[in-house]
Protein backbone atom coordinates (compact mmCIF):
# COMPACT_ATOMS: atom_id res chain seq x y z
CA MET A 1 -112.45 2.55 217.84
CA ASN A 2 -109.22 3.19 219.72
CA LYS A 3 -106.02 4.86 218.53
CA LEU A 4 -102.76 3.08 219.30
CA ILE A 5 -99.60 5.22 219.29
CA PHE A 6 -96.06 3.81 219.26
CA CYS A 7 -93.10 6.10 220.07
CA PHE A 8 -89.51 4.90 219.46
CA ASP A 9 -86.79 7.12 220.93
CA GLY A 10 -83.29 7.77 219.58
CA THR A 11 -79.94 6.23 220.51
CA TYR A 12 -79.15 6.71 224.22
CA ASN A 13 -82.38 8.72 224.66
CA GLU A 14 -84.70 8.02 227.60
CA PRO A 15 -86.92 9.97 230.04
CA GLU A 16 -84.03 10.17 232.54
CA ASP A 17 -82.38 12.69 230.19
CA VAL A 18 -84.58 15.34 231.81
CA LYS A 19 -82.32 15.43 234.89
CA ASP A 20 -79.02 15.89 232.99
CA PHE A 21 -79.01 19.68 233.30
CA CYS A 22 -75.20 19.94 233.22
CA SER A 23 -74.89 18.97 229.55
CA ASP A 24 -77.68 20.92 227.81
CA SER A 25 -79.76 17.74 227.73
CA SER A 26 -83.47 17.14 228.00
CA ILE A 27 -86.08 14.76 226.67
CA THR A 28 -86.54 14.35 222.93
CA ASN A 29 -89.51 15.14 220.73
CA ILE A 30 -90.44 11.45 220.92
CA ALA A 31 -90.78 11.54 224.71
CA LYS A 32 -92.67 14.82 224.40
CA LEU A 33 -95.05 13.34 221.83
CA HIS A 34 -95.70 10.41 224.16
CA VAL A 35 -96.57 12.84 226.97
CA LEU A 36 -98.62 15.22 224.83
CA LEU A 37 -100.63 12.32 223.42
CA GLY A 38 -101.57 11.07 226.89
CA GLY A 39 -98.72 8.65 227.55
CA SER A 40 -97.42 7.62 230.95
CA PHE A 41 -93.99 6.83 232.44
CA LYS A 42 -95.35 5.73 235.84
CA PRO A 43 -96.46 3.12 235.31
CA LEU A 44 -94.83 2.92 231.89
CA ASN A 45 -97.32 2.83 229.02
CA ALA A 46 -100.42 2.73 231.23
CA LYS A 47 -103.68 3.74 229.60
CA ASN A 48 -104.48 7.43 229.93
CA ASN A 49 -106.82 8.48 232.71
CA GLN A 50 -108.41 11.42 230.91
CA GLY A 51 -110.98 9.63 228.82
CA LEU A 52 -108.97 9.86 225.59
CA LYS A 53 -109.65 7.09 223.11
CA GLN A 54 -105.95 6.76 222.42
CA HIS A 55 -103.15 4.81 224.09
CA SER A 56 -99.48 5.75 223.69
CA PHE A 57 -96.58 3.32 224.09
CA TYR A 58 -93.01 4.58 224.58
CA TYR A 59 -89.71 2.72 224.01
CA SER A 60 -86.40 4.21 225.11
CA GLY A 61 -83.60 4.22 222.57
CA VAL A 62 -80.88 1.82 221.53
CA GLY A 63 -78.15 1.90 224.17
CA THR A 64 -80.46 2.34 227.18
CA HIS A 65 -81.19 -1.34 227.84
CA GLY A 66 -78.98 -3.50 230.06
CA ASN A 67 -75.61 -2.74 231.69
CA TRP A 68 -73.24 -0.03 230.49
CA LEU A 69 -71.09 -2.40 228.40
CA THR A 70 -74.10 -3.90 226.67
CA ASN A 71 -75.49 -0.41 226.14
CA LEU A 72 -72.26 0.78 224.54
CA PHE A 73 -72.09 -2.24 222.24
CA ASN A 74 -75.68 -1.80 221.12
CA ALA A 75 -75.31 1.94 220.60
CA LEU A 76 -72.15 1.56 218.52
CA PHE A 77 -73.11 -1.43 216.40
CA ALA A 78 -76.92 -1.75 216.61
CA PRO A 79 -76.87 -5.51 215.97
CA SER A 80 -80.17 -7.09 215.00
CA PHE A 81 -79.86 -9.45 217.98
CA GLY A 82 -79.47 -6.62 220.52
CA ASP A 83 -81.61 -3.68 221.58
CA LEU A 84 -83.20 -3.34 218.16
CA GLU A 85 -84.68 -6.82 218.32
CA ASP A 86 -85.74 -6.38 221.96
CA ILE A 87 -87.49 -3.08 221.25
CA LEU A 88 -89.35 -4.50 218.26
CA SER A 89 -90.33 -7.56 220.28
CA GLN A 90 -91.76 -5.43 223.09
CA ALA A 91 -93.66 -3.21 220.65
CA ASN A 92 -95.11 -6.24 218.88
CA SER A 93 -96.16 -7.70 222.21
CA ASP A 94 -97.87 -4.44 223.21
CA PHE A 95 -99.59 -4.33 219.85
CA GLN A 96 -100.89 -7.89 220.06
CA ARG A 97 -102.25 -7.33 223.58
CA ASN A 98 -104.05 -4.08 222.77
CA TYR A 99 -105.09 -4.03 219.10
CA GLN A 100 -108.73 -4.58 218.23
CA ALA A 101 -110.21 -4.63 214.76
CA GLY A 102 -110.74 -1.10 213.47
CA ASP A 103 -108.17 0.59 215.73
CA GLU A 104 -106.04 3.29 214.09
CA ILE A 105 -102.25 3.00 214.33
CA TYR A 106 -99.83 5.93 214.67
CA ILE A 107 -96.05 5.43 214.81
CA PHE A 108 -93.27 7.92 215.64
CA GLY A 109 -89.48 7.65 215.87
CA PHE A 110 -86.21 9.57 215.99
CA SER A 111 -82.73 8.63 214.73
CA ARG A 112 -82.27 4.86 215.00
CA GLY A 113 -85.65 4.91 216.70
CA ALA A 114 -86.98 6.27 213.41
CA ALA A 115 -85.41 3.29 211.66
CA ILE A 116 -87.08 0.98 214.18
CA ALA A 117 -90.39 2.81 213.67
CA ARG A 118 -90.13 2.26 209.93
CA ILE A 119 -89.35 -1.44 210.39
CA PHE A 120 -92.24 -1.83 212.82
CA ALA A 121 -94.64 -0.06 210.47
CA ALA A 122 -93.51 -2.07 207.45
CA LYS A 123 -93.90 -5.42 209.20
CA LEU A 124 -97.36 -4.83 210.66
CA LYS A 125 -100.10 -6.66 208.83
CA TYR A 126 -102.66 -3.97 209.63
CA PRO A 127 -103.31 -0.51 208.13
CA VAL A 128 -101.08 2.23 209.57
CA LYS A 129 -102.76 5.64 209.64
CA PHE A 130 -99.63 7.74 210.17
CA LEU A 131 -95.85 7.25 210.34
CA GLY A 132 -93.93 10.30 211.60
CA VAL A 133 -90.13 10.20 211.88
CA PHE A 134 -87.38 12.65 212.76
CA ASP A 135 -84.04 12.37 210.90
CA THR A 136 -83.87 8.63 210.28
CA VAL A 137 -80.37 7.21 210.80
CA ALA A 138 -80.16 3.50 210.07
CA ALA A 139 -76.37 3.16 210.13
CA THR A 140 -74.89 0.10 211.82
CA ALA A 141 -71.30 -1.10 212.02
CA ALA A 142 -71.91 -3.15 208.90
CA THR A 143 -73.05 -0.12 206.91
CA LEU A 144 -70.76 2.57 208.33
CA ASP A 145 -68.85 4.32 205.55
CA LEU A 146 -66.98 7.59 205.98
CA ASP A 147 -67.07 8.40 202.27
CA ALA A 148 -69.35 11.43 201.99
CA ASP A 149 -70.40 10.34 198.49
CA THR A 150 -71.74 6.99 199.69
CA LEU A 151 -75.47 6.96 200.34
CA PRO A 152 -76.67 4.98 203.38
CA VAL A 153 -77.04 1.26 202.82
CA SER A 154 -80.60 0.38 203.72
CA ASP A 155 -81.15 -3.29 202.99
CA ILE A 156 -80.36 -4.31 206.56
CA VAL A 157 -83.41 -2.55 207.92
CA PHE A 158 -85.59 -1.59 204.97
CA GLU A 159 -86.78 -3.04 201.73
CA ASN A 160 -85.75 -0.50 199.10
CA ASP A 161 -86.86 2.45 201.26
CA VAL A 162 -90.31 2.00 199.70
CA LEU A 163 -93.28 2.89 201.86
CA ALA A 164 -95.36 -0.24 202.37
CA GLY A 165 -98.79 -0.22 200.77
CA HIS A 166 -100.65 -0.47 204.09
CA ILE A 167 -99.21 2.86 205.36
CA GLU A 168 -101.56 5.74 204.62
CA GLN A 169 -99.25 8.71 205.29
CA ALA A 170 -95.61 9.28 206.24
CA VAL A 171 -93.84 12.47 207.35
CA HIS A 172 -90.04 12.65 207.55
CA LEU A 173 -88.33 15.73 209.03
CA VAL A 174 -84.65 15.92 208.09
CA ALA A 175 -81.67 17.88 209.45
CA LEU A 176 -80.16 20.32 206.95
CA ASP A 177 -77.05 21.18 208.99
CA GLU A 178 -75.90 17.79 210.33
CA LYS A 179 -72.35 17.18 209.07
CA ARG A 180 -71.32 13.88 210.68
CA ILE A 181 -70.91 11.40 207.84
CA ALA A 182 -71.84 8.54 210.15
CA PHE A 183 -75.23 10.23 210.62
CA GLN A 184 -76.31 10.33 206.98
CA PRO A 185 -80.09 10.25 206.75
CA THR A 186 -81.99 7.31 205.32
CA LEU A 187 -84.54 9.04 203.13
CA PHE A 188 -87.76 7.63 201.76
CA ASN A 189 -88.15 7.13 198.05
CA ARG A 190 -90.40 9.70 196.41
CA ASP A 191 -94.05 8.80 197.00
CA SER A 192 -97.28 10.80 196.96
CA ARG A 193 -97.96 9.57 200.52
CA VAL A 194 -94.63 10.86 201.84
CA LEU A 195 -93.93 14.41 203.00
CA GLU A 196 -90.17 14.83 203.47
CA VAL A 197 -89.03 18.27 204.65
CA TRP A 198 -85.58 19.68 205.51
CA PHE A 199 -85.23 21.91 208.59
CA ALA A 200 -82.42 24.06 210.01
CA GLY A 201 -80.37 22.25 212.62
CA SER A 202 -78.21 19.27 213.42
CA HIS A 203 -79.49 15.76 214.11
CA SER A 204 -80.81 16.44 217.63
CA ASP A 205 -82.00 19.93 216.70
CA ILE A 206 -84.58 18.03 214.65
CA GLY A 207 -85.44 15.12 216.93
CA GLY A 208 -84.85 16.95 220.19
CA GLY A 209 -82.80 16.12 223.24
CA TYR A 210 -81.35 19.53 224.14
CA TRP A 211 -82.48 21.88 226.90
CA HIS A 212 -81.95 24.77 224.47
CA ASN A 213 -84.53 23.38 222.06
CA GLY A 214 -85.86 26.30 220.03
CA LEU A 215 -85.09 24.55 216.74
CA SER A 216 -86.45 21.13 217.72
CA ASP A 217 -89.63 22.82 218.92
CA ILE A 218 -90.13 23.94 215.30
CA THR A 219 -90.14 20.34 214.12
CA LEU A 220 -92.25 19.21 217.09
CA ASN A 221 -94.86 21.83 216.22
CA PHE A 222 -94.80 20.71 212.60
CA MET A 223 -95.30 17.04 213.50
CA LEU A 224 -98.13 17.91 215.88
CA SER A 225 -99.81 19.94 213.14
CA GLN A 226 -99.79 16.85 210.91
CA VAL A 227 -101.64 14.67 213.44
CA LYS A 228 -103.85 17.33 215.04
CA PRO A 229 -106.85 16.42 212.83
CA HIS A 230 -106.69 12.84 214.11
CA LEU A 231 -105.32 12.79 217.67
CA ALA A 232 -106.15 14.58 220.92
CA ILE A 233 -103.16 16.69 221.98
CA LEU A 234 -102.77 17.71 225.62
CA THR A 235 -101.27 21.02 226.71
CA LYS A 236 -98.81 21.69 229.51
CA ASP A 237 -101.82 22.67 231.64
CA THR A 238 -103.85 19.50 231.03
CA ILE A 239 -101.10 16.89 231.45
CA ASP A 240 -101.23 14.69 234.56
CA TYR A 241 -97.63 15.05 235.78
CA SER A 242 -98.09 12.43 238.50
CA ARG A 243 -97.86 9.87 235.68
CA LEU A 244 -94.48 11.22 234.56
CA VAL A 245 -92.34 10.44 237.60
CA ILE A 246 -89.02 8.98 236.48
CA ALA A 247 -88.13 5.62 237.97
CA GLU A 248 -85.85 5.89 241.01
CA GLN A 249 -85.87 9.68 240.75
CA GLU A 250 -87.56 12.14 243.06
CA SER A 251 -88.37 14.57 240.26
CA ALA A 252 -90.83 14.15 237.43
CA ILE A 253 -91.08 15.60 233.98
CA GLY A 254 -92.76 18.96 234.47
CA PRO A 255 -94.33 21.81 232.49
CA ASP A 256 -90.95 23.38 231.62
CA ASP A 257 -89.87 20.11 230.00
CA VAL A 258 -92.80 19.97 227.58
CA TYR A 259 -93.32 23.69 227.00
CA ILE A 260 -93.02 24.44 223.28
CA LYS A 261 -91.38 27.67 222.13
CA ALA A 262 -90.32 27.42 218.50
CA MET A 263 -87.43 29.78 217.66
CA VAL A 264 -85.98 30.26 214.18
CA ASP A 265 -82.93 31.83 215.84
CA GLY A 266 -82.57 28.99 218.37
CA VAL A 267 -79.21 27.43 219.23
CA LEU A 268 -77.83 25.24 216.43
CA HIS A 269 -75.75 22.46 218.02
CA GLN A 270 -73.16 22.05 215.31
CA LYS A 271 -70.33 19.50 215.60
CA HIS A 272 -66.87 20.97 215.00
CA ARG A 273 -63.82 18.76 214.46
CA THR A 274 -60.25 19.52 213.44
CA ASN A 275 -57.22 17.75 211.98
CA LYS A 276 -57.86 14.13 210.99
CA LEU A 277 -61.26 14.07 212.68
CA ALA A 278 -62.43 16.76 210.27
CA LYS A 279 -62.56 14.01 207.63
CA THR A 280 -65.54 12.54 209.47
CA LEU A 281 -67.59 15.63 208.59
CA ALA A 282 -69.21 16.66 205.31
CA PRO A 283 -72.36 18.57 204.34
CA ARG A 284 -75.41 16.45 203.68
CA LYS A 285 -76.67 15.89 200.15
CA VAL A 286 -80.07 17.59 200.07
CA ARG A 287 -82.10 15.57 197.62
CA VAL A 288 -85.20 13.56 196.77
CA ASN A 289 -84.53 9.86 196.27
CA VAL A 290 -85.98 7.74 193.50
CA ASN A 291 -84.96 4.08 193.55
CA GLU A 292 -82.50 4.90 196.38
CA GLN A 293 -80.64 7.41 194.19
CA PRO A 294 -80.71 11.23 194.03
CA SER A 295 -83.21 12.47 191.46
CA SER A 296 -83.91 15.73 189.65
CA PHE A 297 -86.97 16.40 191.82
CA ALA A 298 -86.60 19.45 194.07
CA PRO A 299 -86.33 18.69 197.80
CA LEU A 300 -88.66 20.58 200.12
CA VAL A 301 -87.06 23.03 202.58
CA HIS A 302 -89.07 24.53 205.45
CA TRP A 303 -89.65 28.29 205.40
CA THR A 304 -87.98 28.69 208.82
CA VAL A 305 -84.63 27.94 207.15
CA ALA A 306 -85.07 31.07 205.02
CA LYS A 307 -86.29 33.03 208.03
CA ARG A 308 -83.21 32.02 210.01
CA PHE A 309 -80.98 32.95 207.06
CA THR A 310 -82.44 36.46 206.91
CA GLN A 311 -82.21 36.97 210.69
CA LEU A 312 -78.78 35.53 211.53
CA ALA A 313 -75.74 36.77 209.63
CA GLU A 314 -73.72 33.73 210.71
CA TYR A 315 -76.23 31.22 209.33
CA ARG A 316 -75.34 30.11 205.81
CA PRO A 317 -76.41 26.48 205.22
CA TYR A 318 -73.65 24.95 203.12
CA ALA A 319 -75.82 21.94 202.27
CA LEU A 320 -77.91 24.20 199.97
CA ARG A 321 -74.87 25.35 197.99
CA ASN A 322 -75.69 25.00 194.27
CA VAL A 323 -78.83 22.97 195.02
CA ASN A 324 -82.25 23.35 193.40
CA TYR A 325 -85.05 23.17 195.98
CA SER A 326 -88.52 24.43 196.89
CA LEU A 327 -89.68 26.22 200.04
CA LEU A 328 -92.62 24.94 202.05
CA LEU A 329 -94.24 28.18 203.20
CA ASN A 330 -96.00 28.83 206.49
CA SER A 331 -99.31 28.88 204.63
CA GLY A 332 -98.71 25.36 203.32
CA ALA A 333 -98.11 26.61 199.78
CA VAL A 334 -94.87 25.79 197.98
CA GLN A 335 -92.48 28.38 196.54
CA ALA A 336 -90.90 26.40 193.73
CA GLN A 337 -87.50 26.26 192.12
CA LEU A 338 -85.12 28.21 194.29
CA PHE A 339 -81.39 27.77 193.81
CA GLY A 340 -78.48 27.86 196.21
CA VAL A 341 -78.04 29.61 199.51
CA TYR A 342 -78.81 32.99 197.98
CA GLY A 343 -82.21 31.66 196.89
CA LEU A 344 -83.29 31.95 200.52
CA ASP A 345 -83.23 35.72 200.05
CA SER A 346 -86.30 35.47 197.83
CA TYR A 347 -88.43 34.37 200.78
CA THR A 348 -91.01 36.86 202.04
CA ASP A 349 -93.47 36.44 204.92
């Protein structure tokens, strides 16, 4: 039995981000997962050479395919005939060439790559062992709405946000502090197979992509903990970096790029806008969806949010204002029925 792993990166995200040191950029958690699970960039998606019975496939994000004008069009509008279709087609081709009866399937994605991961998982006709996504954003030009009270339209890419019956487990890590209305998250409907958890940070503080990545390392650690019982995870000392050379670049992804140091007081990359542009910002609605609508069920907030609140005087997550929620503790237990920002004060180690 082999384990096939499919990793779909976020909009504009690709391995080349590792060299953009001038703009606080680096590779995302999706690229890191690909590397840590034995994946290769040179040659791309080659089988691992360390005897692991798992094979990781990586797909760069919407907006990284073709010339700059095509990239911009695809990144802004995400048409079904553009990058999205091409990425799905390549993933399906890789699957058909490599799948053998009994193989386990693991799928990861971030941002629009998370939306693609969910489409890919839903359309497979084989059991999916695990679907792990970071801050799903499925917005396209056709669904873009700057009304903060409008929930994301999902019928373009999903069927009622319901987890397909052939998917065994899904984990969705969601940004608590993202304020861009155009980046509203596409949540799953409540399901016993779904673990949906809210973490401190903006969109890319959850899915990664910053050099200052203390917050996204929290979510990366969490996702790794979910698959550790099933997948072999390399360390920075066991990775073969000769397989991570970036095309047409002299440098390769190195140990510093995959080193994980989770920090509850890490940099939060908040978007600030003024004047008319301020109308494009609003706090997210922290919730659990049932039938695509907010329900009375308490959303699950990660304990590191409370830890950050107690350590940093300037951190006061507005999205929790007057919200009922539960805390997922470090032990895995749940501290139920907290209310509002001040409810974070009830957290103890």
